[in-house]
Amino acid sequence: MNIEMTTITPPMASIMLANNTENRRLNNSHVDFLANQILSGKWQNNGQTIVIADDGTLMDGQHRLSAIVKANKSTQLGLCTGAPRAAMATIDNGKPRSTVDVLSIINAPNAALISSAMKILYKFDHGGININGGGKMKMPNSVVLLTLKQMQLLVDVNILAKLAKTISRNTRLKPSNVFAAFYLIAIRYGQEFVEDFAEKINSGGDYPKSPTTALGQIIARIQVQGRNVHRIYHFALLLSAVEKWIKGDTMIRYRDSSIASDMSKAAKNYKTKINW
């Protein structure tokens, strides 16, 4: 076998793809993502190679090569040629590195909580957090560390994590949903505002039928009923609650049917200020 760094041009990529006869189904959305990374200058060469078998069959790299063709831009990659074709079944058998793995490697506090919240915020910014879809939209690991740095410049992530955990214990709201919502609220209204809002929730509310009182009651009813709610229900509920609280409105229940319109409003009113 021979391995070397090679500048792969779109025509070269097309030739290699012509021998892509035994690979898994192409994921077009992933190709689009990689092509965008190449065009935006965010592409990072991590040492993974394009693998060509000893008979010319493309063994690994169809998405990267397809992205080069789509972007129509030459890209430097590692290229391994002459690999035994019989070894193809062993490719991609390793455990993929997760978002939380990336944060854990640098010993980031609250890695699991923050990584989950990051995914919500990524979907929020990319139109994937809605009632109809986006559940499989994946945040690339390449943006995780830069995203954390940006968040740390805008808010105290450790305080938000502490607040999210406390609120979750007291209301049974999902901590990742709480953190993501609190982050957006802090960006719009300030972190002191979030801390005040959280204190009112933890103390049981500040006026009759206040949203700060209703949050825990709503989640409790759902659990007693054994009802399944949409994956972003807790996130949408909290953003709706804070807007009602600001106006001094009351809150008794929150329906799944409200999520779509509330997320549409939130997309206009809230910004992550994260450059993905």
Protein backbone atom coordinates (compact mmCIF):
# COMPACT_ATOMS: atom_id res chain seq x y z
CA MET A 1 0.00 0.00 0.00
CA ASN A 2 1.01 3.61 -0.57
CA ILE A 3 -0.24 6.57 1.49
CA GLU A 4 0.45 10.21 0.64
CA MET A 5 -1.08 13.66 0.82
CA THR A 6 -2.63 14.49 -2.54
CA THR A 7 -4.45 17.47 -3.98
CA ILE A 8 -7.60 15.89 -5.37
CA THR A 9 -9.20 17.85 -8.19
CA PRO A 10 -12.89 17.52 -9.14
CA PRO A 11 -12.00 15.49 -12.29
CA MET A 12 -9.82 13.15 -10.20
CA ALA A 13 -12.66 12.74 -7.69
CA SER A 14 -15.08 11.89 -10.52
CA ILE A 15 -12.75 9.18 -11.83
CA MET A 16 -12.45 7.63 -8.37
CA LEU A 17 -16.22 7.77 -7.90
CA ALA A 18 -16.69 5.88 -11.18
CA ASN A 19 -15.29 2.85 -9.33
CA ASN A 20 -17.59 3.33 -6.33
CA THR A 21 -19.37 0.02 -6.80
CA GLU A 22 -19.58 -1.51 -3.34
CA ASN A 23 -20.23 1.34 -0.92
CA ARG A 24 -23.17 2.24 1.28
CA ARG A 25 -25.93 4.53 0.00
CA LEU A 26 -24.78 8.10 -0.53
CA ASN A 27 -26.12 10.59 2.01
CA ASN A 28 -26.79 13.70 -0.07
CA SER A 29 -27.32 15.98 2.92
CA HIS A 30 -23.86 15.02 4.23
CA VAL A 31 -22.38 15.71 0.79
CA ASP A 32 -24.02 19.16 0.87
CA PHE A 33 -22.57 19.81 4.32
CA LEU A 34 -19.03 18.79 3.28
CA ALA A 35 -19.24 20.83 0.08
CA ASN A 36 -20.26 23.86 2.13
CA GLN A 37 -17.32 23.26 4.47
CA ILE A 38 -14.96 23.20 1.49
CA LEU A 39 -16.39 26.35 -0.09
CA SER A 40 -16.52 28.29 3.19
CA GLY A 41 -12.91 27.47 4.08
CA LYS A 42 -13.95 25.49 7.15
CA TRP A 43 -12.76 22.16 5.80
CA GLN A 44 -10.24 20.53 8.12
CA ASN A 45 -7.91 17.75 7.05
CA ASN A 46 -7.98 15.32 9.97
CA GLY A 47 -5.74 12.65 8.49
CA GLN A 48 -8.49 10.34 7.28
CA THR A 49 -7.63 9.00 3.86
CA ILE A 50 -9.44 8.17 0.66
CA VAL A 51 -8.91 4.41 0.27
CA ILE A 52 -8.54 2.78 -3.15
CA ALA A 53 -8.34 -1.01 -3.40
CA ASP A 54 -5.64 -2.90 -5.29
CA ASP A 55 -8.11 -3.42 -8.15
CA GLY A 56 -9.14 0.26 -8.31
CA THR A 57 -12.39 -0.04 -6.32
CA LEU A 58 -13.19 2.94 -4.10
CA MET A 59 -13.28 1.51 -0.57
CA ASP A 60 -13.72 4.67 1.51
CA GLY A 61 -14.29 8.36 0.79
CA GLN A 62 -17.38 8.58 -1.42
CA HIS A 63 -18.87 11.49 0.55
CA ARG A 64 -15.66 13.54 0.55
CA LEU A 65 -15.07 12.92 -3.15
CA SER A 66 -18.69 13.73 -4.01
CA ALA A 67 -18.34 16.98 -2.02
CA ILE A 68 -15.23 17.93 -4.00
CA VAL A 69 -17.17 17.39 -7.22
CA LYS A 70 -20.18 19.35 -5.95
CA ALA A 71 -18.03 22.23 -4.65
CA ASN A 72 -15.95 22.10 -7.85
CA LYS A 73 -12.88 22.90 -5.79
CA SER A 74 -9.64 20.96 -5.39
CA THR A 75 -8.95 19.77 -1.85
CA GLN A 76 -5.92 18.20 -0.21
CA LEU A 77 -6.56 14.79 1.30
CA GLY A 78 -4.66 11.71 2.33
CA LEU A 79 -4.83 9.05 -0.38
CA CYS A 80 -4.23 5.37 0.27
CA THR A 81 -3.85 3.17 -2.80
CA GLY A 82 -3.32 -0.57 -3.15
CA ALA A 83 -5.37 -1.62 -0.11
CA PRO A 84 -6.58 -5.24 -0.17
CA ARG A 85 -10.17 -5.26 -1.39
CA ALA A 86 -10.99 -8.09 1.02
CA ALA A 87 -10.47 -5.64 3.92
CA MET A 88 -13.39 -3.42 2.87
CA ALA A 89 -15.74 -4.99 5.43
CA THR A 90 -13.51 -3.70 8.23
CA ILE A 91 -13.84 -0.01 7.25
CA ASP A 92 -15.83 2.31 9.56
CA ASN A 93 -16.16 -0.31 12.29
CA GLY A 94 -14.69 1.98 14.95
CA LYS A 95 -16.86 3.93 17.39
CA PRO A 96 -17.53 7.44 16.01
CA ARG A 97 -16.38 10.30 18.24
CA SER A 98 -19.38 12.10 19.71
CA THR A 99 -19.86 15.77 20.54
CA VAL A 100 -19.50 15.04 24.23
CA ASP A 101 -16.26 13.13 23.49
CA VAL A 102 -14.81 16.28 21.90
CA LEU A 103 -15.62 18.36 25.00
CA SER A 104 -14.53 15.65 27.43
CA ILE A 105 -11.11 15.43 25.81
CA ILE A 106 -10.40 19.03 26.87
CA ASN A 107 -11.95 18.36 30.31
CA ALA A 108 -14.73 20.89 29.73
CA PRO A 109 -17.06 21.05 32.76
CA ASN A 110 -20.63 19.86 32.17
CA ALA A 111 -19.58 18.34 28.84
CA ALA A 112 -22.65 16.11 28.41
CA LEU A 113 -25.13 18.88 29.23
CA ILE A 114 -23.46 21.54 27.11
CA SER A 115 -22.95 19.24 24.12
CA SER A 116 -26.65 18.32 24.13
CA ALA A 117 -27.64 21.98 24.38
CA MET A 118 -25.25 22.87 21.55
CA LYS A 119 -27.05 20.42 19.27
CA ILE A 120 -30.37 22.11 20.05
CA LEU A 121 -28.92 25.55 19.34
CA TYR A 122 -27.34 24.29 16.11
CA LYS A 123 -30.71 23.01 14.92
CA PHE A 124 -32.36 26.24 16.07
CA ASP A 125 -30.01 28.29 13.87
CA HIS A 126 -30.29 25.94 10.89
CA GLY A 127 -34.05 25.62 10.75
CA GLY A 128 -34.03 22.07 12.03
CA ILE A 129 -35.79 22.57 15.34
CA ASN A 130 -39.44 22.47 14.37
CA ILE A 131 -42.48 20.31 14.76
CA ASN A 132 -42.13 18.66 11.34
CA GLY A 133 -38.52 17.56 11.12
CA GLY A 134 -34.85 18.17 11.80
CA GLY A 135 -34.53 15.36 14.31
CA LYS A 136 -31.59 13.83 12.46
CA MET A 137 -29.79 17.10 11.68
CA LYS A 138 -26.24 16.59 12.93
CA MET A 139 -23.88 19.21 14.28
CA PRO A 140 -20.36 18.50 12.96
CA ASN A 141 -17.66 17.83 15.52
CA SER A 142 -15.42 20.33 13.73
CA VAL A 143 -17.42 23.27 15.14
CA VAL A 144 -17.73 22.09 18.76
CA LEU A 145 -14.66 23.69 20.34
CA LEU A 146 -15.06 26.98 18.48
CA THR A 147 -18.73 27.07 19.48
CA LEU A 148 -17.83 26.57 23.14
CA LYS A 149 -15.34 29.44 22.99
CA GLN A 150 -17.94 31.74 21.44
CA MET A 151 -20.53 30.79 24.05
CA GLN A 152 -18.04 31.43 26.86
CA LEU A 153 -17.48 34.96 25.55
CA LEU A 154 -21.21 35.69 25.59
CA VAL A 155 -22.43 34.02 28.80
CA ASP A 156 -21.13 32.22 31.86
CA VAL A 157 -21.80 28.67 30.69
CA ASN A 158 -21.02 27.18 34.10
CA ILE A 159 -23.66 29.32 35.81
CA LEU A 160 -26.19 28.43 33.10
CA ALA A 161 -25.35 24.77 33.55
CA LYS A 162 -25.88 25.03 37.30
CA LEU A 163 -29.21 26.80 36.80
CA ALA A 164 -30.32 24.23 34.22
CA LYS A 165 -29.57 21.33 36.55
CA THR A 166 -31.41 22.96 39.47
CA ILE A 167 -34.45 23.81 37.35
CA SER A 168 -34.48 20.27 35.98
CA ARG A 169 -34.50 18.79 39.48
CA ASN A 170 -37.35 21.06 40.59
CA THR A 171 -39.54 20.88 37.48
CA ARG A 172 -38.42 17.73 35.59
CA LEU A 173 -37.75 19.84 32.51
CA LYS A 174 -34.97 18.32 30.41
CA PRO A 175 -31.70 19.99 31.46
CA SER A 176 -30.38 20.30 27.90
CA ASN A 177 -33.59 22.04 26.83
CA VAL A 178 -33.36 24.35 29.84
CA PHE A 179 -29.72 25.23 29.12
CA ALA A 180 -30.43 25.93 25.44
CA ALA A 181 -33.45 28.08 26.25
CA PHE A 182 -31.62 29.91 29.04
CA TYR A 183 -28.73 30.60 26.66
CA LEU A 184 -31.06 32.24 24.15
CA ILE A 185 -32.83 34.18 26.89
CA ALA A 186 -29.48 35.37 28.30
CA ILE A 187 -28.37 36.57 24.86
CA ARG A 188 -31.59 38.56 24.43
CA TYR A 189 -32.29 39.81 27.95
CA GLY A 190 -29.03 39.33 29.85
CA GLN A 191 -27.78 36.71 32.27
CA GLU A 192 -29.05 38.52 35.38
CA PHE A 193 -32.53 38.32 33.89
CA VAL A 194 -32.13 34.55 33.48
CA GLU A 195 -30.96 34.18 37.07
CA ASP A 196 -33.98 36.15 38.30
CA PHE A 197 -36.36 34.07 36.18
CA ALA A 198 -34.77 30.86 37.46
CA GLU A 199 -35.00 32.02 41.07
CA LYS A 200 -38.74 32.62 40.66
CA ILE A 201 -39.20 29.12 39.21
CA ASN A 202 -37.21 27.51 42.01
CA SER A 203 -39.15 29.41 44.67
CA GLY A 204 -42.49 28.19 43.32
CA GLY A 205 -43.57 31.22 41.35
CA ASP A 206 -44.19 34.89 42.00
CA TYR A 207 -47.91 35.48 41.30
CA PRO A 208 -51.08 33.37 40.87
CA LYS A 209 -50.96 31.15 37.75
CA SER A 210 -47.56 32.59 36.90
CA PRO A 211 -45.58 30.74 34.20
CA THR A 212 -42.87 30.32 36.83
CA THR A 213 -45.38 28.26 38.83
CA ALA A 214 -46.93 26.48 35.87
CA LEU A 215 -43.75 24.94 34.44
CA GLY A 216 -43.41 22.24 37.07
CA GLN A 217 -47.16 21.64 37.18
CA ILE A 218 -47.38 21.14 33.41
CA ILE A 219 -44.54 18.61 33.34
CA ALA A 220 -45.99 16.82 36.39
CA ARG A 221 -49.36 16.38 34.65
CA ILE A 222 -47.66 15.00 31.55
CA GLN A 223 -45.77 12.44 33.61
CA VAL A 224 -48.85 11.38 35.57
CA GLN A 225 -50.77 10.93 32.31
CA GLY A 226 -47.89 8.96 30.80
CA ARG A 227 -48.12 11.19 27.75
CA ASN A 228 -45.37 11.43 25.15
CA VAL A 229 -44.57 14.94 23.96
CA HIS A 230 -42.57 16.27 21.03
CA ARG A 231 -38.78 16.18 21.47
CA ILE A 232 -38.57 20.00 21.67
CA TYR A 233 -41.64 20.42 23.87
CA HIS A 234 -39.64 21.44 26.96
CA PHE A 235 -37.55 23.92 24.95
CA ALA A 236 -40.61 25.54 23.37
CA LEU A 237 -42.47 25.53 26.68
CA LEU A 238 -39.72 27.43 28.46
CA LEU A 239 -39.37 30.06 25.74
CA SER A 240 -43.15 30.55 25.72
CA ALA A 241 -43.20 30.78 29.50
CA VAL A 242 -40.58 33.50 29.72
CA GLU A 243 -42.39 35.68 27.19
CA LYS A 244 -45.64 35.33 29.12
CA TRP A 245 -43.82 36.05 32.38
CA ILE A 246 -42.36 39.26 30.97
CA LYS A 247 -45.88 40.45 30.10
CA GLY A 248 -47.31 39.35 33.45
CA ASP A 249 -49.60 36.84 31.72
CA THR A 250 -50.84 33.62 33.27
CA MET A 251 -50.09 30.08 32.11
CA ILE A 252 -51.96 26.88 32.89
CA ARG A 253 -51.11 24.44 30.09
CA TYR A 254 -49.01 24.14 26.96
CA ARG A 255 -50.12 22.18 23.93
CA ASP A 256 -48.04 20.44 21.26
CA SER A 257 -50.08 22.36 18.70
CA SER A 258 -48.47 25.59 19.93
CA ILE A 259 -44.90 24.49 19.22
CA ALA A 260 -44.78 25.29 15.49
CA SER A 261 -46.03 28.86 15.84
CA ASP A 262 -43.96 29.49 18.97
CA MET A 263 -40.78 28.23 17.27
CA SER A 264 -41.50 30.47 14.32
CA LYS A 265 -41.75 33.46 16.66
CA ALA A 266 -38.65 32.39 18.56
CA ALA A 267 -36.63 32.20 15.34
CA LYS A 268 -37.42 35.89 14.78
CA ASN A 269 -36.92 37.04 18.37
CA TYR A 270 -33.93 35.01 19.56
CA LYS A 271 -30.40 34.77 18.16
CA THR A 272 -27.56 32.51 19.27
CA LYS A 273 -24.86 34.91 17.98
CA ILE A 274 -22.81 31.80 17.21
CA ASN A 275 -20.83 31.66 13.97
CA TRP A 276 -21.15 28.01 13.08
